[in-house]
Amino acid sequence: MFVAALIALQGCAVNSTSSQVPGYNPVTEPANDTPQFRMDQQACWHEVEKAWPQAQQNNAAVIQFRQCLLNKGYRLLS
């Protein structure tokens, strides 16, 4: 029961718009679905938010978000 609740909470955290560029949910290797990955997503999102406060869905903002994750060593599948 605890494991099911934990998985449900993780799903909510991954799909939270506060941790990613709205409209873009990067797909990564299953091994990267960790609390550290979600923290890195939030850190990258904050960088993008500073650079693109009014246009987070802009292609350039998505590119910057992806590049930030790549710079942190993640391999993105989408």
C-alpha atoms as a PDB file:
ATOM      1  CA  MET A   1       0.000   0.000   0.000  1.00  0.00           C
ATOM      2  CA  PHE A   2       2.811   2.404   0.927  1.00  0.00           C
ATOM      3  CA  VAL A   3       4.623   1.703  -2.341  1.00  0.00           C
ATOM      4  CA  ALA A   4       1.467   2.404  -4.363  1.00  0.00           C
ATOM      5  CA  ALA A   5       0.998   5.727  -2.559  1.00  0.00           C
ATOM      6  CA  LEU A   6       4.636   6.637  -3.143  1.00  0.00           C
ATOM      7  CA  ILE A   7       4.362   5.873  -6.857  1.00  0.00           C
ATOM      8  CA  ALA A   8       1.191   7.962  -7.114  1.00  0.00           C
ATOM      9  CA  LEU A   9       2.898  10.896  -5.399  1.00  0.00           C
ATOM     10  CA  GLN A  10       5.918  10.598  -7.676  1.00  0.00           C
ATOM     11  CA  GLY A  11       3.628  10.711 -10.699  1.00  0.00           C
ATOM     12  CA  CYS A  12       2.066  13.908  -9.428  1.00  0.00           C
ATOM     13  CA  ALA A  13       5.476  15.449  -8.807  1.00  0.00           C
ATOM     14  CA  VAL A  14       6.750  14.559 -12.273  1.00  0.00           C
ATOM     15  CA  ASN A  15       3.683  16.044 -13.964  1.00  0.00           C
ATOM     16  CA  SER A  16       3.702  19.197 -11.872  1.00  0.00           C
ATOM     17  CA  THR A  17       3.980  22.295 -14.038  1.00  0.00           C
ATOM     18  CA  SER A  18       6.077  23.976 -11.371  1.00  0.00           C
ATOM     19  CA  SER A  19       8.946  21.595 -12.118  1.00  0.00           C
ATOM     20  CA  GLN A  20       9.018  21.871 -15.891  1.00  0.00           C
ATOM     21  CA  VAL A  21       8.423  24.134 -18.829  1.00  0.00           C
ATOM     22  CA  PRO A  22       4.636  24.249 -19.343  1.00  0.00           C
ATOM     23  CA  GLY A  23       3.643  22.029 -22.232  1.00  0.00           C
ATOM     24  CA  TYR A  24       6.978  20.195 -22.249  1.00  0.00           C
ATOM     25  CA  ASN A  25       7.645  17.079 -20.206  1.00  0.00           C
ATOM     26  CA  PRO A  26      11.106  15.697 -20.987  1.00  0.00           C
ATOM     27  CA  VAL A  27      11.281  11.934 -21.345  1.00  0.00           C
ATOM     28  CA  THR A  28      14.434  10.428 -19.940  1.00  0.00           C
ATOM     29  CA  GLU A  29      15.747   6.989 -19.178  1.00  0.00           C
ATOM     30  CA  PRO A  30      13.748   5.198 -16.458  1.00  0.00           C
ATOM     31  CA  ALA A  31      16.843   5.088 -14.225  1.00  0.00           C
ATOM     32  CA  ASN A  32      16.775   8.899 -14.115  1.00  0.00           C
ATOM     33  CA  ASP A  33      13.325   9.054 -12.504  1.00  0.00           C
ATOM     34  CA  THR A  34      14.767   9.975  -9.135  1.00  0.00           C
ATOM     35  CA  PRO A  35      14.278  12.748  -6.590  1.00  0.00           C
ATOM     36  CA  GLN A  36      17.583  14.230  -7.819  1.00  0.00           C
ATOM     37  CA  PHE A  37      16.249  14.403 -11.394  1.00  0.00           C
ATOM     38  CA  ARG A  38      13.134  16.229 -10.195  1.00  0.00           C
ATOM     39  CA  MET A  39      15.292  18.660  -8.208  1.00  0.00           C
ATOM     40  CA  ASP A  40      17.451  19.246 -11.285  1.00  0.00           C
ATOM     41  CA  GLN A  41      14.299  19.814 -13.365  1.00  0.00           C
ATOM     42  CA  GLN A  42      13.185  22.472 -10.895  1.00  0.00           C
ATOM     43  CA  ALA A  43      16.613  24.131 -10.931  1.00  0.00           C
ATOM     44  CA  CYS A  44      16.589  24.212 -14.731  1.00  0.00           C
ATOM     45  CA  TRP A  45      13.029  25.540 -14.735  1.00  0.00           C
ATOM     46  CA  HIS A  46      14.085  28.415 -12.466  1.00  0.00           C
ATOM     47  CA  GLU A  47      16.910  29.292 -14.885  1.00  0.00           C
ATOM     48  CA  VAL A  48      14.460  29.323 -17.794  1.00  0.00           C
ATOM     49  CA  GLU A  49      11.908  31.301 -15.811  1.00  0.00           C
ATOM     50  CA  LYS A  50      14.502  34.032 -15.206  1.00  0.00           C
ATOM     51  CA  ALA A  51      15.468  34.215 -18.875  1.00  0.00           C
ATOM     52  CA  TRP A  52      11.928  33.861 -20.294  1.00  0.00           C
ATOM     53  CA  PRO A  53       9.483  35.236 -17.686  1.00  0.00           C
ATOM     54  CA  GLN A  54       6.688  35.807 -20.201  1.00  0.00           C
ATOM     55  CA  ALA A  55       7.348  33.042 -22.723  1.00  0.00           C
ATOM     56  CA  GLN A  56       8.173  29.727 -21.080  1.00  0.00           C
ATOM     57  CA  GLN A  57       6.474  27.856 -23.952  1.00  0.00           C
ATOM     58  CA  ASN A  58       8.675  29.603 -26.482  1.00  0.00           C
ATOM     59  CA  ASN A  59      10.873  27.186 -28.454  1.00  0.00           C
ATOM     60  CA  ALA A  60      13.982  28.958 -27.181  1.00  0.00           C
ATOM     61  CA  ALA A  61      12.845  28.425 -23.577  1.00  0.00           C
ATOM     62  CA  VAL A  62      12.291  24.703 -24.202  1.00  0.00           C
ATOM     63  CA  ILE A  63      15.718  24.468 -25.832  1.00  0.00           C
ATOM     64  CA  GLN A  64      17.318  26.187 -22.835  1.00  0.00           C
ATOM     65  CA  PHE A  65      15.474  23.856 -20.436  1.00  0.00           C
ATOM     66  CA  ARG A  66      16.623  20.771 -22.368  1.00  0.00           C
ATOM     67  CA  GLN A  67      20.191  22.081 -22.580  1.00  0.00           C
ATOM     68  CA  CYS A  68      20.269  22.666 -18.837  1.00  0.00           C
ATOM     69  CA  LEU A  69      19.264  19.041 -18.198  1.00  0.00           C
ATOM     70  CA  LEU A  70      21.816  17.821 -20.737  1.00  0.00           C
ATOM     71  CA  ASN A  71      24.521  19.912 -19.046  1.00  0.00           C
ATOM     72  CA  LYS A  72      23.652  18.161 -15.784  1.00  0.00           C
ATOM     73  CA  GLY A  73      24.409  14.837 -17.467  1.00  0.00           C
ATOM     74  CA  TYR A  74      20.934  13.541 -18.291  1.00  0.00           C
ATOM     75  CA  ARG A  75      20.177  11.760 -21.552  1.00  0.00           C
ATOM     76  CA  LEU A  76      16.818  12.926 -22.860  1.00  0.00           C
ATOM     77  CA  LEU A  77      14.705  10.697 -25.085  1.00  0.00           C
ATOM     78  CA  SER A  78      12.359  13.479 -26.234  1.00  0.00           C
END
